[in-house]
Amino acid sequence: MDEESFYSVCPEKLCAYMAEQCGRVKVAVDPFCGAGGNVIHLARRFDKGTVIFFALKINKTVFVEIK
């Protein structure tokens, strides 16, 4: 993680809480994924859904398919 990403990280407990509050939706979108903490928790929560995320700097984004 680079210095810029370090300052955009959302605390893990907050990421888990926000994902829990989303309920059971089919699609979740994180338009400013930063370091990806929210995306990770959303993907863990939505076992049969889709999580879409965007980053301003493509070199910091990792594309992952979770099965």
N, C-alpha and C. Protein backbone atom coordinates (compact mmCIF):
# COMPACT_ATOMS: atom_id res chain seq x y z
N MET A 1 0.85 -1.17 0.00
CA MET A 1 0.00 0.00 0.00
C MET A 1 0.90 1.23 0.00
N ASP A 2 0.62 2.15 -0.89
CA ASP A 2 1.42 3.37 -0.93
C ASP A 2 0.89 4.41 0.07
N GLU A 3 1.61 5.52 0.19
CA GLU A 3 1.26 6.53 1.19
C GLU A 3 -0.12 7.13 0.95
N GLU A 4 -0.46 7.39 -0.30
CA GLU A 4 -1.77 7.96 -0.62
C GLU A 4 -2.90 7.02 -0.21
N SER A 5 -2.74 5.72 -0.50
CA SER A 5 -3.77 4.74 -0.15
C SER A 5 -3.91 4.61 1.37
N PHE A 6 -2.80 4.74 2.08
CA PHE A 6 -2.83 4.64 3.54
C PHE A 6 -3.83 5.64 4.14
N TYR A 7 -3.91 6.83 3.56
CA TYR A 7 -4.80 7.86 4.10
C TYR A 7 -6.24 7.73 3.61
N SER A 8 -6.50 6.83 2.66
CA SER A 8 -7.87 6.65 2.18
C SER A 8 -8.52 5.39 2.76
N VAL A 9 -7.82 4.70 3.63
CA VAL A 9 -8.34 3.45 4.18
C VAL A 9 -9.47 3.73 5.18
N CYS A 10 -10.54 2.98 5.04
CA CYS A 10 -11.65 3.02 5.97
C CYS A 10 -11.40 1.94 7.03
N PRO A 11 -11.59 2.22 8.31
CA PRO A 11 -11.37 1.20 9.34
C PRO A 11 -12.19 -0.07 9.06
N GLU A 12 -11.58 -1.23 9.31
CA GLU A 12 -12.21 -2.50 8.97
C GLU A 12 -13.57 -2.70 9.64
N LYS A 13 -13.71 -2.32 10.88
CA LYS A 13 -15.00 -2.47 11.56
C LYS A 13 -16.08 -1.62 10.89
N LEU A 14 -15.71 -0.45 10.41
CA LEU A 14 -16.67 0.41 9.73
C LEU A 14 -17.05 -0.19 8.37
N CYS A 15 -16.08 -0.76 7.65
CA CYS A 15 -16.37 -1.42 6.37
C CYS A 15 -17.35 -2.57 6.57
N ALA A 16 -17.11 -3.38 7.59
CA ALA A 16 -17.99 -4.51 7.87
C ALA A 16 -19.39 -4.04 8.23
N TYR A 17 -19.49 -2.98 9.02
CA TYR A 17 -20.78 -2.43 9.43
C TYR A 17 -21.55 -1.91 8.21
N MET A 18 -20.86 -1.17 7.35
CA MET A 18 -21.54 -0.61 6.17
C MET A 18 -22.03 -1.72 5.24
N ALA A 19 -21.23 -2.76 5.07
CA ALA A 19 -21.66 -3.89 4.23
C ALA A 19 -22.88 -4.57 4.83
N GLU A 20 -22.90 -4.70 6.14
CA GLU A 20 -24.05 -5.32 6.83
C GLU A 20 -25.31 -4.49 6.64
N GLN A 21 -25.18 -3.17 6.65
CA GLN A 21 -26.32 -2.28 6.51
C GLN A 21 -26.94 -2.31 5.12
N CYS A 22 -26.19 -2.79 4.14
CA CYS A 22 -26.70 -2.86 2.77
C CYS A 22 -27.73 -3.96 2.59
N GLY A 23 -27.83 -4.87 3.53
CA GLY A 23 -28.80 -5.95 3.41
C GLY A 23 -28.39 -6.93 2.33
N ARG A 24 -29.35 -7.52 1.67
CA ARG A 24 -29.08 -8.50 0.60
C ARG A 24 -29.50 -7.92 -0.74
N VAL A 25 -28.61 -7.17 -1.34
CA VAL A 25 -28.89 -6.59 -2.65
C VAL A 25 -28.20 -7.43 -3.72
N LYS A 26 -28.59 -7.24 -4.97
CA LYS A 26 -27.98 -8.01 -6.06
C LYS A 26 -26.74 -7.33 -6.62
N VAL A 27 -26.69 -6.00 -6.52
CA VAL A 27 -25.55 -5.25 -7.04
C VAL A 27 -25.18 -4.16 -6.04
N ALA A 28 -23.88 -4.07 -5.73
CA ALA A 28 -23.37 -3.00 -4.87
C ALA A 28 -22.29 -2.26 -5.66
N VAL A 29 -22.25 -0.93 -5.55
CA VAL A 29 -21.29 -0.12 -6.28
C VAL A 29 -20.50 0.74 -5.31
N ASP A 30 -19.17 0.70 -5.45
CA ASP A 30 -18.29 1.59 -4.70
C ASP A 30 -17.58 2.47 -5.72
N PRO A 31 -18.08 3.71 -5.94
CA PRO A 31 -17.54 4.54 -7.01
C PRO A 31 -16.14 5.10 -6.75
N PHE A 32 -15.71 5.08 -5.50
CA PHE A 32 -14.38 5.59 -5.14
C PHE A 32 -13.74 4.58 -4.20
N CYS A 33 -13.22 3.49 -4.76
CA CYS A 33 -12.83 2.36 -3.90
C CYS A 33 -11.56 2.59 -3.09
N GLY A 34 -10.72 3.53 -3.46
CA GLY A 34 -9.52 3.79 -2.68
C GLY A 34 -8.68 2.53 -2.50
N ALA A 35 -8.41 2.16 -1.25
CA ALA A 35 -7.60 0.97 -0.97
C ALA A 35 -8.41 -0.32 -1.08
N GLY A 36 -9.73 -0.24 -1.17
CA GLY A 36 -10.56 -1.41 -1.43
C GLY A 36 -11.18 -2.09 -0.22
N GLY A 37 -11.08 -1.51 0.95
CA GLY A 37 -11.64 -2.13 2.16
C GLY A 37 -13.14 -2.37 2.07
N ASN A 38 -13.87 -1.39 1.59
CA ASN A 38 -15.33 -1.55 1.45
C ASN A 38 -15.67 -2.61 0.42
N VAL A 39 -14.92 -2.64 -0.68
CA VAL A 39 -15.16 -3.62 -1.73
C VAL A 39 -14.97 -5.04 -1.19
N ILE A 40 -13.94 -5.25 -0.41
CA ILE A 40 -13.67 -6.57 0.16
C ILE A 40 -14.83 -7.02 1.04
N HIS A 41 -15.31 -6.16 1.91
CA HIS A 41 -16.40 -6.53 2.80
C HIS A 41 -17.72 -6.71 2.06
N LEU A 42 -17.96 -5.89 1.05
CA LEU A 42 -19.17 -6.06 0.25
C LEU A 42 -19.14 -7.40 -0.48
N ALA A 43 -17.98 -7.75 -1.04
CA ALA A 43 -17.87 -9.02 -1.76
C ALA A 43 -18.06 -10.21 -0.83
N ARG A 44 -17.55 -10.11 0.38
CA ARG A 44 -17.75 -11.19 1.36
C ARG A 44 -19.22 -11.33 1.74
N ARG A 45 -19.92 -10.24 1.80
CA ARG A 45 -21.32 -10.23 2.23
C ARG A 45 -22.26 -10.75 1.14
N PHE A 46 -21.99 -10.38 -0.11
CA PHE A 46 -22.90 -10.71 -1.20
C PHE A 46 -22.40 -11.92 -1.96
N ASP A 47 -22.65 -13.10 -1.42
CA ASP A 47 -22.14 -14.32 -2.03
C ASP A 47 -22.75 -14.61 -3.40
N LYS A 48 -23.94 -14.11 -3.68
CA LYS A 48 -24.57 -14.33 -4.99
C LYS A 48 -24.82 -13.04 -5.73
N GLY A 49 -24.19 -11.96 -5.27
CA GLY A 49 -24.39 -10.67 -5.91
C GLY A 49 -23.14 -10.22 -6.65
N THR A 50 -23.18 -9.00 -7.12
CA THR A 50 -22.08 -8.42 -7.86
C THR A 50 -21.63 -7.14 -7.17
N VAL A 51 -20.32 -6.97 -7.05
CA VAL A 51 -19.76 -5.74 -6.50
C VAL A 51 -18.97 -5.07 -7.61
N ILE A 52 -19.34 -3.83 -7.91
CA ILE A 52 -18.67 -3.05 -8.95
C ILE A 52 -17.92 -1.92 -8.26
N PHE A 53 -16.67 -1.71 -8.67
CA PHE A 53 -15.91 -0.64 -8.05
C PHE A 53 -15.08 0.09 -9.09
N PHE A 54 -14.77 1.34 -8.79
CA PHE A 54 -14.00 2.19 -9.69
C PHE A 54 -12.87 2.84 -8.91
N ALA A 55 -11.74 3.02 -9.58
CA ALA A 55 -10.61 3.71 -8.97
C ALA A 55 -10.13 4.79 -9.94
N LEU A 56 -9.65 5.88 -9.39
CA LEU A 56 -9.16 6.96 -10.23
C LEU A 56 -7.82 6.60 -10.88
N LYS A 57 -7.04 5.77 -10.20
CA LYS A 57 -5.74 5.36 -10.73
C LYS A 57 -5.77 3.86 -10.98
N ILE A 58 -5.80 3.49 -12.24
CA ILE A 58 -5.97 2.08 -12.62
C ILE A 58 -4.83 1.21 -12.10
N ASN A 59 -3.64 1.75 -11.94
CA ASN A 59 -2.52 0.94 -11.48
C ASN A 59 -2.68 0.49 -10.02
N LYS A 60 -3.64 1.05 -9.29
CA LYS A 60 -3.87 0.65 -7.90
C LYS A 60 -5.02 -0.35 -7.79
N THR A 61 -5.66 -0.63 -8.91
CA THR A 61 -6.84 -1.48 -8.88
C THR A 61 -6.49 -2.91 -9.26
N VAL A 62 -7.00 -3.84 -8.48
CA VAL A 62 -6.83 -5.26 -8.77
C VAL A 62 -8.21 -5.83 -9.05
N PHE A 63 -8.36 -6.53 -10.15
CA PHE A 63 -9.64 -7.11 -10.51
C PHE A 63 -9.69 -8.53 -9.98
N VAL A 64 -10.71 -8.84 -9.21
CA VAL A 64 -10.81 -10.13 -8.57
C VAL A 64 -12.21 -10.69 -8.80
N GLU A 65 -12.28 -11.96 -9.09
CA GLU A 65 -13.55 -12.64 -9.18
C GLU A 65 -13.63 -13.60 -8.00
N ILE A 66 -14.64 -13.44 -7.18
CA ILE A 66 -14.81 -14.29 -6.01
C ILE A 66 -15.91 -15.28 -6.29
N LYS A 67 -15.62 -16.55 -6.10
CA LYS A 67 -16.63 -17.60 -6.36
C LYS A 67 -17.02 -18.25 -5.08
